[in-house]
Amino acid sequence: MSRTCEVTGAGPGFGNNVPWSKKKTRRRWNVNLQSKRYYLPSEGRHVRLRVSTKGIKIIDRDGVEAVVQRMRAEGRRI
């Protein structure tokens, strides 16, 4: 299972560690993923989503029903 947000699709970023000596080594910046459980009143059940902190803010803003509906319109299973 890759480290991607189920709401925003955000994945890790890649780049270099650059110390004082300028000897570059590869590194990655992981997404701040949280496993959250949300209740869907229309279906009467809970869903568990692996979302980033930005995804949590989007769910708080738009509502879990709208976000799940958008995800299903994209063809993802919930």
PDB file of N, CA and C in Angstrom:
ATOM      1  N   MET A   1       0.848  -1.178   0.000  1.00  0.00           N
ATOM      2  CA  MET A   1       0.000   0.000   0.000  1.00  0.00           C
ATOM      3  C   MET A   1       0.892   1.239   0.000  1.00  0.00           C
ATOM      4  N   SER A   2       0.739   2.053  -1.007  1.00  0.00           N
ATOM      5  CA  SER A   2       1.604   3.216  -1.122  1.00  0.00           C
ATOM      6  C   SER A   2       1.155   4.333  -0.191  1.00  0.00           C
ATOM      7  N   ARG A   3       2.066   5.231   0.116  1.00  0.00           N
ATOM      8  CA  ARG A   3       1.774   6.336   1.029  1.00  0.00           C
ATOM      9  C   ARG A   3       1.118   7.481   0.261  1.00  0.00           C
ATOM     10  N   THR A   4      -0.154   7.313  -0.093  1.00  0.00           N
ATOM     11  CA  THR A   4      -0.886   8.372  -0.773  1.00  0.00           C
ATOM     12  C   THR A   4      -2.183   8.641  -0.037  1.00  0.00           C
ATOM     13  N   CYS A   5      -2.629   9.882  -0.116  1.00  0.00           N
ATOM     14  CA  CYS A   5      -3.881  10.296   0.498  1.00  0.00           C
ATOM     15  C   CYS A   5      -5.033   9.843  -0.389  1.00  0.00           C
ATOM     16  N   GLU A   6      -6.082   9.279   0.205  1.00  0.00           N
ATOM     17  CA  GLU A   6      -7.217   8.799  -0.564  1.00  0.00           C
ATOM     18  C   GLU A   6      -8.107   9.947  -1.037  1.00  0.00           C
ATOM     19  N   VAL A   7      -8.015  11.110  -0.414  1.00  0.00           N
ATOM     20  CA  VAL A   7      -8.855  12.243  -0.790  1.00  0.00           C
ATOM     21  C   VAL A   7      -8.156  13.130  -1.804  1.00  0.00           C
ATOM     22  N   THR A   8      -6.937  13.566  -1.505  1.00  0.00           N
ATOM     23  CA  THR A   8      -6.236  14.501  -2.376  1.00  0.00           C
ATOM     24  C   THR A   8      -5.335  13.817  -3.392  1.00  0.00           C
ATOM     25  N   GLY A   9      -4.950  12.567  -3.141  1.00  0.00           N
ATOM     26  CA  GLY A   9      -4.030  11.866  -4.031  1.00  0.00           C
ATOM     27  C   GLY A   9      -2.586  12.269  -3.835  1.00  0.00           C
ATOM     28  N   ALA A  10      -2.288  13.012  -2.768  1.00  0.00           N
ATOM     29  CA  ALA A  10      -0.929  13.487  -2.514  1.00  0.00           C
ATOM     30  C   ALA A  10      -0.026  12.315  -2.150  1.00  0.00           C
ATOM     31  N   GLY A  11       1.150  12.289  -2.753  1.00  0.00           N
ATOM     32  CA  GLY A  11       2.139  11.260  -2.482  1.00  0.00           C
ATOM     33  C   GLY A  11       3.419  11.883  -1.977  1.00  0.00           C
ATOM     34  N   PRO A  12       4.441  11.072  -1.754  1.00  0.00           N
ATOM     35  CA  PRO A  12       5.696  11.619  -1.244  1.00  0.00           C
ATOM     36  C   PRO A  12       6.407  12.477  -2.275  1.00  0.00           C
ATOM     37  N   GLY A  13       7.166  13.449  -1.770  1.00  0.00           N
ATOM     38  CA  GLY A  13       8.008  14.274  -2.634  1.00  0.00           C
ATOM     39  C   GLY A  13       9.439  13.783  -2.547  1.00  0.00           C
ATOM     40  N   PHE A  14      10.200  13.981  -3.614  1.00  0.00           N
ATOM     41  CA  PHE A  14      11.574  13.487  -3.668  1.00  0.00           C
ATOM     42  C   PHE A  14      12.532  14.634  -3.907  1.00  0.00           C
ATOM     43  N   GLY A  15      13.740  14.492  -3.405  1.00  0.00           N
ATOM     44  CA  GLY A  15      14.743  15.527  -3.589  1.00  0.00           C
ATOM     45  C   GLY A  15      16.080  15.085  -3.041  1.00  0.00           C
ATOM     46  N   ASN A  16      16.903  16.053  -2.665  1.00  0.00           N
ATOM     47  CA  ASN A  16      18.251  15.774  -2.188  1.00  0.00           C
ATOM     48  C   ASN A  16      18.461  16.355  -0.799  1.00  0.00           C
ATOM     49  N   ASN A  17      19.238  15.628   0.021  1.00  0.00           N
ATOM     50  CA  ASN A  17      19.837  16.216   1.204  1.00  0.00           C
ATOM     51  C   ASN A  17      21.076  16.958   0.719  1.00  0.00           C
ATOM     52  N   VAL A  18      21.204  18.221   1.098  1.00  0.00           N
ATOM     53  CA  VAL A  18      22.367  19.002   0.671  1.00  0.00           C
ATOM     54  C   VAL A  18      23.055  19.561   1.917  1.00  0.00           C
ATOM     55  N   PRO A  19      24.119  18.915   2.375  1.00  0.00           N
ATOM     56  CA  PRO A  19      24.827  19.412   3.548  1.00  0.00           C
ATOM     57  C   PRO A  19      25.814  20.521   3.169  1.00  0.00           C
ATOM     58  N   TRP A  20      26.583  20.951   4.141  1.00  0.00           N
ATOM     59  CA  TRP A  20      27.563  22.013   3.933  1.00  0.00           C
ATOM     60  C   TRP A  20      28.585  21.635   2.873  1.00  0.00           C
ATOM     61  N   SER A  21      28.934  20.350   2.799  1.00  0.00           N
ATOM     62  CA  SER A  21      29.938  19.893   1.826  1.00  0.00           C
ATOM     63  C   SER A  21      29.363  19.763   0.417  1.00  0.00           C
ATOM     64  N   LYS A  22      28.077  19.967   0.238  1.00  0.00           N
ATOM     65  CA  LYS A  22      27.375  19.884  -1.054  1.00  0.00           C
ATOM     66  C   LYS A  22      27.372  18.476  -1.651  1.00  0.00           C
ATOM     67  N   LYS A  23      27.634  17.454  -0.833  1.00  0.00           N
ATOM     68  CA  LYS A  23      27.555  16.066  -1.299  1.00  0.00           C
ATOM     69  C   LYS A  23      26.102  15.625  -1.203  1.00  0.00           C
ATOM     70  N   LYS A  24      25.423  15.530  -2.318  1.00  0.00           N
ATOM     71  CA  LYS A  24      23.981  15.296  -2.351  1.00  0.00           C
ATOM     72  C   LYS A  24      23.648  13.812  -2.203  1.00  0.00           C
ATOM     73  N   THR A  25      22.658  13.510  -1.395  1.00  0.00           N
ATOM     74  CA  THR A  25      22.111  12.165  -1.288  1.00  0.00           C
ATOM     75  C   THR A  25      20.594  12.274  -1.417  1.00  0.00           C
ATOM     76  N   ARG A  26      19.987  11.254  -2.001  1.00  0.00           N
ATOM     77  CA  ARG A  26      18.550  11.279  -2.257  1.00  0.00           C
ATOM     78  C   ARG A  26      17.761  11.105  -0.962  1.00  0.00           C
ATOM     79  N   ARG A  27      16.596  11.750  -0.911  1.00  0.00           N
ATOM     80  CA  ARG A  27      15.712  11.608   0.239  1.00  0.00           C
ATOM     81  C   ARG A  27      14.281  11.778  -0.224  1.00  0.00           C
ATOM     82  N   ARG A  28      13.332  11.524   0.669  1.00  0.00           N
ATOM     83  CA  ARG A  28      11.924  11.718   0.349  1.00  0.00           C
ATOM     84  C   ARG A  28      11.200  12.364   1.509  1.00  0.00           C
ATOM     85  N   TRP A  29      10.216  13.168   1.167  1.00  0.00           N
ATOM     86  CA  TRP A  29       9.347  13.809   2.152  1.00  0.00           C
ATOM     87  C   TRP A  29       8.021  13.080   2.112  1.00  0.00           C
ATOM     88  N   ASN A  30       7.714  12.345   3.182  1.00  0.00           N
ATOM     89  CA  ASN A  30       6.466  11.599   3.241  1.00  0.00           C
ATOM     90  C   ASN A  30       5.301  12.516   3.570  1.00  0.00           C
ATOM     91  N   VAL A  31       4.129  12.118   3.112  1.00  0.00           N
ATOM     92  CA  VAL A  31       2.898  12.841   3.402  1.00  0.00           C
ATOM     93  C   VAL A  31       2.477  12.512   4.833  1.00  0.00           C
ATOM     94  N   ASN A  32       1.911  13.494   5.528  1.00  0.00           N
ATOM     95  CA  ASN A  32       1.442  13.289   6.901  1.00  0.00           C
ATOM     96  C   ASN A  32       0.096  12.570   6.862  1.00  0.00           C
ATOM     97  N   LEU A  33       0.138  11.225   6.797  1.00  0.00           N
ATOM     98  CA  LEU A  33      -1.080  10.429   6.669  1.00  0.00           C
ATOM     99  C   LEU A  33      -1.621  10.035   8.033  1.00  0.00           C
ATOM    100  N   GLN A  34      -2.937  10.085   8.132  1.00  0.00           N
ATOM    101  CA  GLN A  34      -3.650   9.682   9.332  1.00  0.00           C
ATOM    102  C   GLN A  34      -4.726   8.691   8.916  1.00  0.00           C
ATOM    103  N   SER A  35      -4.976   7.688   9.738  1.00  0.00           N
ATOM    104  CA  SER A  35      -6.070   6.755   9.495  1.00  0.00           C
ATOM    105  C   SER A  35      -7.267   7.243  10.293  1.00  0.00           C
ATOM    106  N   LYS A  36      -8.324   7.666   9.578  1.00  0.00           N
ATOM    107  CA  LYS A  36      -9.490   8.253  10.236  1.00  0.00           C
ATOM    108  C   LYS A  36     -10.724   7.426   9.911  1.00  0.00           C
ATOM    109  N   ARG A  37     -11.639   7.365  10.867  1.00  0.00           N
ATOM    110  CA  ARG A  37     -12.896   6.660  10.690  1.00  0.00           C
ATOM    111  C   ARG A  37     -14.015   7.684  10.650  1.00  0.00           C
ATOM    112  N   TYR A  38     -14.801   7.673   9.596  1.00  0.00           N
ATOM    113  CA  TYR A  38     -15.903   8.614   9.427  1.00  0.00           C
ATOM    114  C   TYR A  38     -17.215   7.844   9.330  1.00  0.00           C
ATOM    115  N   TYR A  39     -18.282   8.483   9.798  1.00  0.00           N
ATOM    116  CA  TYR A  39     -19.614   7.880   9.737  1.00  0.00           C
ATOM    117  C   TYR A  39     -20.369   8.449   8.560  1.00  0.00           C
ATOM    118  N   LEU A  40     -20.935   7.557   7.727  1.00  0.00           N
ATOM    119  CA  LEU A  40     -21.760   7.970   6.600  1.00  0.00           C
ATOM    120  C   LEU A  40     -23.229   7.780   6.977  1.00  0.00           C
ATOM    121  N   PRO A  41     -23.947   8.855   7.303  1.00  0.00           N
ATOM    122  CA  PRO A  41     -25.346   8.707   7.729  1.00  0.00           C
ATOM    123  C   PRO A  41     -26.249   8.146   6.632  1.00  0.00           C
ATOM    124  N   SER A  42     -25.955   8.446   5.356  1.00  0.00           N
ATOM    125  CA  SER A  42     -26.812   7.962   4.272  1.00  0.00           C
ATOM    126  C   SER A  42     -26.766   6.442   4.139  1.00  0.00           C
ATOM    127  N   GLU A  43     -25.617   5.839   4.483  1.00  0.00           N
ATOM    128  CA  GLU A  43     -25.472   4.386   4.382  1.00  0.00           C
ATOM    129  C   GLU A  43     -25.562   3.699   5.733  1.00  0.00           C
ATOM    130  N   GLY A  44     -25.520   4.484   6.797  1.00  0.00           N
ATOM    131  CA  GLY A  44     -25.608   3.912   8.136  1.00  0.00           C
ATOM    132  C   GLY A  44     -24.407   3.079   8.515  1.00  0.00           C
ATOM    133  N   ARG A  45     -23.230   3.448   8.046  1.00  0.00           N
ATOM    134  CA  ARG A  45     -22.015   2.691   8.361  1.00  0.00           C
ATOM    135  C   ARG A  45     -20.819   3.625   8.470  1.00  0.00           C
ATOM    136  N   HIS A  46     -19.727   3.082   9.012  1.00  0.00           N
ATOM    137  CA  HIS A  46     -18.474   3.813   9.117  1.00  0.00           C
ATOM    138  C   HIS A  46     -17.571   3.429   7.954  1.00  0.00           C
ATOM    139  N   VAL A  47     -16.734   4.377   7.535  1.00  0.00           N
ATOM    140  CA  VAL A  47     -15.692   4.097   6.550  1.00  0.00           C
ATOM    141  C   VAL A  47     -14.367   4.538   7.140  1.00  0.00           C
ATOM    142  N   ARG A  48     -13.326   3.776   6.839  1.00  0.00           N
ATOM    143  CA  ARG A  48     -11.989   4.117   7.300  1.00  0.00           C
ATOM    144  C   ARG A  48     -11.203   4.644   6.109  1.00  0.00           C
ATOM    145  N   LEU A  49     -10.693   5.864   6.234  1.00  0.00           N
ATOM    146  CA  LEU A  49      -9.951   6.494   5.162  1.00  0.00           C
ATOM    147  C   LEU A  49      -8.531   6.789   5.618  1.00  0.00           C
ATOM    148  N   ARG A  50      -7.582   6.651   4.708  1.00  0.00           N
ATOM    149  CA  ARG A  50      -6.187   7.009   4.974  1.00  0.00           C
ATOM    150  C   ARG A  50      -5.952   8.353   4.305  1.00  0.00           C
ATOM    151  N   VAL A  51      -6.044   9.406   5.099  1.00  0.00           N
ATOM    152  CA  VAL A  51      -6.040  10.757   4.550  1.00  0.00           C
ATOM    153  C   VAL A  51      -4.897  11.572   5.128  1.00  0.00           C
ATOM    154  N   SER A  52      -4.457  12.562   4.337  1.00  0.00           N
ATOM    155  CA  SER A  52      -3.458  13.506   4.821  1.00  0.00           C
ATOM    156  C   SER A  52      -4.157  14.556   5.673  1.00  0.00           C
ATOM    157  N   THR A  53      -3.377  15.373   6.347  1.00  0.00           N
ATOM    158  CA  THR A  53      -3.979  16.416   7.180  1.00  0.00           C
ATOM    159  C   THR A  53      -4.715  17.436   6.323  1.00  0.00           C
ATOM    160  N   LYS A  54      -4.241  17.669   5.105  1.00  0.00           N
ATOM    161  CA  LYS A  54      -4.979  18.540   4.178  1.00  0.00           C
ATOM    162  C   LYS A  54      -6.302  17.889   3.776  1.00  0.00           C
ATOM    163  N   GLY A  55      -6.300  16.567   3.590  1.00  0.00           N
ATOM    164  CA  GLY A  55      -7.529  15.841   3.274  1.00  0.00           C
ATOM    165  C   GLY A  55      -8.545  15.918   4.401  1.00  0.00           C
ATOM    166  N   ILE A  56      -8.065  15.908   5.658  1.00  0.00           N
ATOM    167  CA  ILE A  56      -8.956  16.047   6.811  1.00  0.00           C
ATOM    168  C   ILE A  56      -9.624  17.415   6.781  1.00  0.00           C
ATOM    169  N   LYS A  57      -8.852  18.455   6.435  1.00  0.00           N
ATOM    170  CA  LYS A  57      -9.423  19.800   6.346  1.00  0.00           C
ATOM    171  C   LYS A  57     -10.457  19.890   5.232  1.00  0.00           C
ATOM    172  N   ILE A  58     -10.226  19.207   4.118  1.00  0.00           N
ATOM    173  CA  ILE A  58     -11.190  19.203   3.024  1.00  0.00           C
ATOM    174  C   ILE A  58     -12.477  18.516   3.457  1.00  0.00           C
ATOM    175  N   ILE A  59     -12.363  17.405   4.189  1.00  0.00           N
ATOM    176  CA  ILE A  59     -13.550  16.710   4.685  1.00  0.00           C
ATOM    177  C   ILE A  59     -14.300  17.583   5.682  1.00  0.00           C
ATOM    178  N   ASP A  60     -13.579  18.292   6.547  1.00  0.00           N
ATOM    179  CA  ASP A  60     -14.225  19.205   7.492  1.00  0.00           C
ATOM    180  C   ASP A  60     -14.956  20.327   6.760  1.00  0.00           C
ATOM    181  N   ARG A  61     -14.379  20.816   5.659  1.00  0.00           N
ATOM    182  CA  ARG A  61     -14.968  21.924   4.916  1.00  0.00           C
ATOM    183  C   ARG A  61     -16.187  21.484   4.096  1.00  0.00           C
ATOM    184  N   ASP A  62     -16.041  20.388   3.319  1.00  0.00           N
ATOM    185  CA  ASP A  62     -17.077  19.976   2.380  1.00  0.00           C
ATOM    186  C   ASP A  62     -18.056  18.958   2.951  1.00  0.00           C
ATOM    187  N   GLY A  63     -17.639  18.217   3.960  1.00  0.00           N
ATOM    188  CA  GLY A  63     -18.463  17.147   4.514  1.00  0.00           C
ATOM    189  C   GLY A  63     -18.047  15.804   3.943  1.00  0.00           C
ATOM    190  N   VAL A  64     -18.186  14.777   4.763  1.00  0.00           N
ATOM    191  CA  VAL A  64     -17.722  13.448   4.364  1.00  0.00           C
ATOM    192  C   VAL A  64     -18.596  12.889   3.246  1.00  0.00           C
ATOM    193  N   GLU A  65     -19.894  13.201   3.232  1.00  0.00           N
ATOM    194  CA  GLU A  65     -20.778  12.701   2.182  1.00  0.00           C
ATOM    195  C   GLU A  65     -20.346  13.199   0.806  1.00  0.00           C
ATOM    196  N   ALA A  66     -20.054  14.502   0.701  1.00  0.00           N
ATOM    197  CA  ALA A  66     -19.656  15.088  -0.580  1.00  0.00           C
ATOM    198  C   ALA A  66     -18.319  14.533  -1.043  1.00  0.00           C
ATOM    199  N   VAL A  67     -17.383  14.347  -0.124  1.00  0.00           N
ATOM    200  CA  VAL A  67     -16.056  13.841  -0.487  1.00  0.00           C
ATOM    201  C   VAL A  67     -16.149  12.401  -0.963  1.00  0.00           C
ATOM    202  N   VAL A  68     -16.931  11.570  -0.269  1.00  0.00           N
ATOM    203  CA  VAL A  68     -17.096  10.171  -0.671  1.00  0.00           C
ATOM    204  C   VAL A  68     -17.792  10.097  -2.028  1.00  0.00           C
ATOM    205  N   GLN A  69     -18.781  10.958  -2.249  1.00  0.00           N
ATOM    206  CA  GLN A  69     -19.472  10.987  -3.540  1.00  0.00           C
ATOM    207  C   GLN A  69     -18.511  11.358  -4.668  1.00  0.00           C
ATOM    208  N   ARG A  70     -17.625  12.332  -4.413  1.00  0.00           N
ATOM    209  CA  ARG A  70     -16.622  12.740  -5.391  1.00  0.00           C
ATOM    210  C   ARG A  70     -15.641  11.602  -5.682  1.00  0.00           C
ATOM    211  N   MET A  71     -15.239  10.870  -4.633  1.00  0.00           N
ATOM    212  CA  MET A  71     -14.309   9.765  -4.810  1.00  0.00           C
ATOM    213  C   MET A  71     -14.948   8.652  -5.636  1.00  0.00           C
ATOM    214  N   ARG A  72     -16.216   8.374  -5.415  1.00  0.00           N
ATOM    215  CA  ARG A  72     -16.915   7.336  -6.188  1.00  0.00           C
ATOM    216  C   ARG A  72     -17.101   7.763  -7.637  1.00  0.00           C
ATOM    217  N   ALA A  73     -17.309   9.064  -7.879  1.00  0.00           N
ATOM    218  CA  ALA A  73     -17.442   9.560  -9.250  1.00  0.00           C
ATOM    219  C   ALA A  73     -16.130   9.367 -10.028  1.00  0.00           C
ATOM    220  N   GLU A  74     -15.005   9.388  -9.332  1.00  0.00           N
ATOM    221  CA  GLU A  74     -13.711   9.139  -9.953  1.00  0.00           C
ATOM    222  C   GLU A  74     -13.464   7.652 -10.183  1.00  0.00           C
ATOM    223  N   GLY A  75     -14.340   6.798  -9.655  1.00  0.00           N
ATOM    224  CA  GLY A  75     -14.222   5.363  -9.870  1.00  0.00           C
ATOM    225  C   GLY A  75     -13.514   4.612  -8.769  1.00  0.00           C
ATOM    226  N   ARG A  76     -13.297   5.244  -7.616  1.00  0.00           N
ATOM    227  CA  ARG A  76     -12.626   4.563  -6.501  1.00  0.00           C
ATOM    228  C   ARG A  76     -13.642   3.878  -5.602  1.00  0.00           C
ATOM    229  N   ARG A  77     -13.275   2.711  -5.091  1.00  0.00           N
ATOM    230  CA  ARG A  77     -14.144   1.976  -4.164  1.00  0.00           C
ATOM    231  C   ARG A  77     -13.954   2.487  -2.757  1.00  0.00           C
ATOM    232  N   ILE A  78     -15.056   2.611  -2.030  1.00  0.00           N
ATOM    233  CA  ILE A  78     -15.012   3.035  -0.635  1.00  0.00           C
ATOM    234  C   ILE A  78     -15.526   1.900   0.222  1.00  0.00           C
TER     235      ILE A  78
END
